[in-house]
Amino acid sequence: MGGQGYQGVETLVLGGMVMGRFADPSKQAPQQQTKNKGARRRVKIFLAIMALFLVWAGSTLWSQNDRIRNQNEALEQKQGEYKTVELSLNQIRHEVERLQDPEYIGQVARKKFRLYLPNETPIIQPHNSGEKP
């Protein structure tokens, strides 16, 4: 079954078809081409599946990135609101501490309500709109 070799390469002759490395492609067995077609088809299917997977992964990554960006913006807004509320809370606490002092209560009563102690003589300065003393 062996044929003549081309510099150490043997050829196989089957039913008049020459099989070998240096054989004419038109004389090759049709079975080899069908194997290549099947392999090419499998590679194409694999590449198509990989492309679909990459599209899915990219869209998921994009949507998650958008969601994270929106949540970061909301977080920054809430932190700003927290700082303003905390500042006003500190001002209110300070005012409460000052209202515990009887001297401060007296100052507020004199200034806002014009209430004075019985032995106290109020000194009221006239408010002239255009004159300076």
C-alpha atoms as a PDB file:
ATOM      1  CA  MET A   1       0.000   0.000   0.000  1.00  0.00           C
ATOM      2  CA  GLY A   2       2.924   2.325   0.219  1.00  0.00           C
ATOM      3  CA  GLY A   3       3.799   4.486  -2.716  1.00  0.00           C
ATOM      4  CA  GLN A   4       6.868   6.320  -3.708  1.00  0.00           C
ATOM      5  CA  GLY A   5       8.014   8.987  -1.275  1.00  0.00           C
ATOM      6  CA  TYR A   6       9.152  12.504  -1.944  1.00  0.00           C
ATOM      7  CA  GLN A   7      12.400  12.955  -0.052  1.00  0.00           C
ATOM      8  CA  GLY A   8      11.447  10.804   2.895  1.00  0.00           C
ATOM      9  CA  VAL A   9       7.687  11.572   2.872  1.00  0.00           C
ATOM     10  CA  GLU A  10       5.553   8.584   2.097  1.00  0.00           C
ATOM     11  CA  THR A  11       2.328   8.824   0.204  1.00  0.00           C
ATOM     12  CA  LEU A  12      -0.705   6.642   0.494  1.00  0.00           C
ATOM     13  CA  VAL A  13      -2.561   5.560  -2.578  1.00  0.00           C
ATOM     14  CA  LEU A  14      -6.212   4.648  -2.010  1.00  0.00           C
ATOM     15  CA  GLY A  15      -8.410   3.867  -4.963  1.00  0.00           C
ATOM     16  CA  GLY A  16      -6.451   6.057  -7.314  1.00  0.00           C
ATOM     17  CA  MET A  17      -6.324   9.028  -4.881  1.00  0.00           C
ATOM     18  CA  VAL A  18      -2.953  10.240  -3.788  1.00  0.00           C
ATOM     19  CA  MET A  19      -2.786  11.127  -0.115  1.00  0.00           C
ATOM     20  CA  GLY A  20       0.174  12.912   1.298  1.00  0.00           C
ATOM     21  CA  ARG A  21       1.706  16.177   2.251  1.00  0.00           C
ATOM     22  CA  PHE A  22       2.725  17.158  -1.255  1.00  0.00           C
ATOM     23  CA  ALA A  23      -0.319  15.806  -3.060  1.00  0.00           C
ATOM     24  CA  ASP A  24      -2.417  17.971  -5.330  1.00  0.00           C
ATOM     25  CA  PRO A  25      -5.309  19.515  -3.321  1.00  0.00           C
ATOM     26  CA  SER A  26      -7.784  18.613  -6.047  1.00  0.00           C
ATOM     27  CA  LYS A  27      -6.866  14.964  -5.526  1.00  0.00           C
ATOM     28  CA  GLN A  28      -7.283  15.086  -1.739  1.00  0.00           C
ATOM     29  CA  ALA A  29     -10.029  13.051  -0.183  1.00  0.00           C
ATOM     30  CA  PRO A  30     -13.292  14.977   0.348  1.00  0.00           C
ATOM     31  CA  GLN A  31     -13.412  13.740   3.943  1.00  0.00           C
ATOM     32  CA  GLN A  32     -10.635  16.156   4.962  1.00  0.00           C
ATOM     33  CA  GLN A  33     -12.639  19.164   3.713  1.00  0.00           C
ATOM     34  CA  THR A  34     -15.719  18.140   5.693  1.00  0.00           C
ATOM     35  CA  LYS A  35     -13.629  17.924   8.866  1.00  0.00           C
ATOM     36  CA  ASN A  36     -12.356  21.441   8.224  1.00  0.00           C
ATOM     37  CA  LYS A  37     -15.890  22.700   7.601  1.00  0.00           C
ATOM     38  CA  GLY A  38     -17.081  21.249  10.903  1.00  0.00           C
ATOM     39  CA  ALA A  39     -14.116  22.733  12.755  1.00  0.00           C
ATOM     40  CA  ARG A  40     -14.696  26.115  11.147  1.00  0.00           C
ATOM     41  CA  ARG A  41     -18.375  25.978  12.053  1.00  0.00           C
ATOM     42  CA  ARG A  42     -17.536  25.177  15.687  1.00  0.00           C
ATOM     43  CA  VAL A  43     -15.035  28.036  15.818  1.00  0.00           C
ATOM     44  CA  LYS A  44     -17.614  30.441  14.355  1.00  0.00           C
ATOM     45  CA  ILE A  45     -20.241  29.336  16.871  1.00  0.00           C
ATOM     46  CA  PHE A  46     -17.734  29.703  19.716  1.00  0.00           C
ATOM     47  CA  LEU A  47     -16.755  33.193  18.554  1.00  0.00           C
ATOM     48  CA  ALA A  48     -20.418  34.195  18.224  1.00  0.00           C
ATOM     49  CA  ILE A  49     -21.131  32.982  21.762  1.00  0.00           C
ATOM     50  CA  MET A  50     -18.061  34.831  23.068  1.00  0.00           C
ATOM     51  CA  ALA A  51     -19.156  38.017  21.267  1.00  0.00           C
ATOM     52  CA  LEU A  52     -22.630  37.761  22.816  1.00  0.00           C
ATOM     53  CA  PHE A  53     -21.090  37.204  26.234  1.00  0.00           C
ATOM     54  CA  LEU A  54     -18.849  40.255  25.843  1.00  0.00           C
ATOM     55  CA  VAL A  55     -21.809  42.405  24.759  1.00  0.00           C
ATOM     56  CA  TRP A  56     -23.807  41.231  27.774  1.00  0.00           C
ATOM     57  CA  ALA A  57     -20.884  41.806  30.163  1.00  0.00           C
ATOM     58  CA  GLY A  58     -20.234  45.268  28.701  1.00  0.00           C
ATOM     59  CA  SER A  59     -23.860  46.332  29.017  1.00  0.00           C
ATOM     60  CA  THR A  60     -23.989  45.054  32.599  1.00  0.00           C
ATOM     61  CA  LEU A  61     -20.794  46.920  33.441  1.00  0.00           C
ATOM     62  CA  TRP A  62     -22.148  50.107  31.843  1.00  0.00           C
ATOM     63  CA  SER A  63     -25.445  49.951  33.759  1.00  0.00           C
ATOM     64  CA  GLN A  64     -23.691  49.245  37.065  1.00  0.00           C
ATOM     65  CA  ASN A  65     -21.307  52.137  36.466  1.00  0.00           C
ATOM     66  CA  ASP A  66     -24.277  54.437  35.818  1.00  0.00           C
ATOM     67  CA  ARG A  67     -26.036  53.220  38.965  1.00  0.00           C
ATOM     68  CA  ILE A  68     -22.891  53.767  41.066  1.00  0.00           C
ATOM     69  CA  ARG A  69     -22.484  57.293  39.669  1.00  0.00           C
ATOM     70  CA  ASN A  70     -26.107  58.139  40.553  1.00  0.00           C
ATOM     71  CA  GLN A  71     -25.701  56.751  44.061  1.00  0.00           C
ATOM     72  CA  ASN A  72     -22.488  58.748  44.583  1.00  0.00           C
ATOM     73  CA  GLU A  73     -24.286  61.944  43.559  1.00  0.00           C
ATOM     74  CA  ALA A  74     -27.126  61.178  45.981  1.00  0.00           C
ATOM     75  CA  LEU A  75     -24.586  60.433  48.721  1.00  0.00           C
ATOM     76  CA  GLU A  76     -22.830  63.758  48.186  1.00  0.00           C
ATOM     77  CA  GLN A  77     -26.169  65.575  48.350  1.00  0.00           C
ATOM     78  CA  LYS A  78     -27.138  63.786  51.564  1.00  0.00           C
ATOM     79  CA  GLN A  79     -23.732  64.554  53.103  1.00  0.00           C
ATOM     80  CA  GLY A  80     -24.213  68.238  52.306  1.00  0.00           C
ATOM     81  CA  GLU A  81     -27.653  68.179  53.907  1.00  0.00           C
ATOM     82  CA  TYR A  82     -26.209  66.375  56.924  1.00  0.00           C
ATOM     83  CA  LYS A  83     -23.560  69.069  57.391  1.00  0.00           C
ATOM     84  CA  THR A  84     -26.132  71.880  57.304  1.00  0.00           C
ATOM     85  CA  VAL A  85     -28.419  70.048  59.748  1.00  0.00           C
ATOM     86  CA  GLU A  86     -25.497  69.338  62.048  1.00  0.00           C
ATOM     87  CA  LEU A  87     -24.455  73.001  61.959  1.00  0.00           C
ATOM     88  CA  SER A  88     -27.972  74.174  62.833  1.00  0.00           C
ATOM     89  CA  LEU A  89     -28.166  71.554  65.597  1.00  0.00           C
ATOM     90  CA  ASN A  90     -24.925  72.851  67.093  1.00  0.00           C
ATOM     91  CA  GLN A  91     -26.275  76.427  66.972  1.00  0.00           C
ATOM     92  CA  ILE A  92     -29.478  75.340  68.735  1.00  0.00           C
ATOM     93  CA  ARG A  93     -27.512  73.465  71.410  1.00  0.00           C
ATOM     94  CA  HIS A  94     -25.384  76.554  71.978  1.00  0.00           C
ATOM     95  CA  GLU A  95     -28.505  78.712  72.294  1.00  0.00           C
ATOM     96  CA  VAL A  96     -29.998  76.231  74.809  1.00  0.00           C
ATOM     97  CA  GLU A  97     -26.798  76.375  76.868  1.00  0.00           C
ATOM     98  CA  ARG A  98     -26.913  80.173  76.858  1.00  0.00           C
ATOM     99  CA  LEU A  99     -30.569  80.157  77.898  1.00  0.00           C
ATOM    100  CA  GLN A 100     -29.571  78.246  81.055  1.00  0.00           C
ATOM    101  CA  ASP A 101     -27.648  81.316  82.228  1.00  0.00           C
ATOM    102  CA  PRO A 102     -29.815  83.830  84.217  1.00  0.00           C
ATOM    103  CA  GLU A 103     -27.727  86.796  83.092  1.00  0.00           C
ATOM    104  CA  TYR A 104     -28.325  85.981  79.418  1.00  0.00           C
ATOM    105  CA  ILE A 105     -32.051  85.591  80.084  1.00  0.00           C
ATOM    106  CA  GLY A 106     -32.023  89.071  81.616  1.00  0.00           C
ATOM    107  CA  GLN A 107     -30.243  90.509  78.573  1.00  0.00           C
ATOM    108  CA  VAL A 108     -32.796  88.953  76.224  1.00  0.00           C
ATOM    109  CA  ALA A 109     -35.686  90.225  78.360  1.00  0.00           C
ATOM    110  CA  ARG A 110     -34.283  93.765  78.358  1.00  0.00           C
ATOM    111  CA  LYS A 111     -33.467  93.826  74.655  1.00  0.00           C
ATOM    112  CA  LYS A 112     -36.484  92.120  73.107  1.00  0.00           C
ATOM    113  CA  PHE A 113     -39.259  92.767  75.599  1.00  0.00           C
ATOM    114  CA  ARG A 114     -37.993  95.959  77.324  1.00  0.00           C
ATOM    115  CA  LEU A 115     -38.394  94.367  80.749  1.00  0.00           C
ATOM    116  CA  TYR A 116     -36.228  95.746  83.537  1.00  0.00           C
ATOM    117  CA  LEU A 117     -35.570  94.935  87.170  1.00  0.00           C
ATOM    118  CA  PRO A 118     -37.489  97.072  89.703  1.00  0.00           C
ATOM    119  CA  ASN A 119     -34.389  99.016  90.855  1.00  0.00           C
ATOM    120  CA  GLU A 120     -33.018  99.450  87.347  1.00  0.00           C
ATOM    121  CA  THR A 121     -33.271 102.679  85.400  1.00  0.00           C
ATOM    122  CA  PRO A 122     -33.335 102.143  81.645  1.00  0.00           C
ATOM    123  CA  ILE A 123     -31.304 104.420  79.437  1.00  0.00           C
ATOM    124  CA  ILE A 124     -32.847 104.660  76.022  1.00  0.00           C
ATOM    125  CA  GLN A 125     -30.886 106.264  73.260  1.00  0.00           C
ATOM    126  CA  PRO A 126     -32.844 108.036  70.577  1.00  0.00           C
ATOM    127  CA  HIS A 127     -32.449 106.569  67.115  1.00  0.00           C
ATOM    128  CA  ASN A 128     -31.989 109.467  64.709  1.00  0.00           C
ATOM    129  CA  SER A 129     -31.712 108.137  61.226  1.00  0.00           C
ATOM    130  CA  GLY A 130     -29.329 110.666  59.702  1.00  0.00           C
ATOM    131  CA  GLU A 131     -27.254 112.011  62.592  1.00  0.00           C
ATOM    132  CA  LYS A 132     -24.105 110.707  64.188  1.00  0.00           C
ATOM    133  CA  PRO A 133     -23.206 111.627  67.798  1.00  0.00           C
END
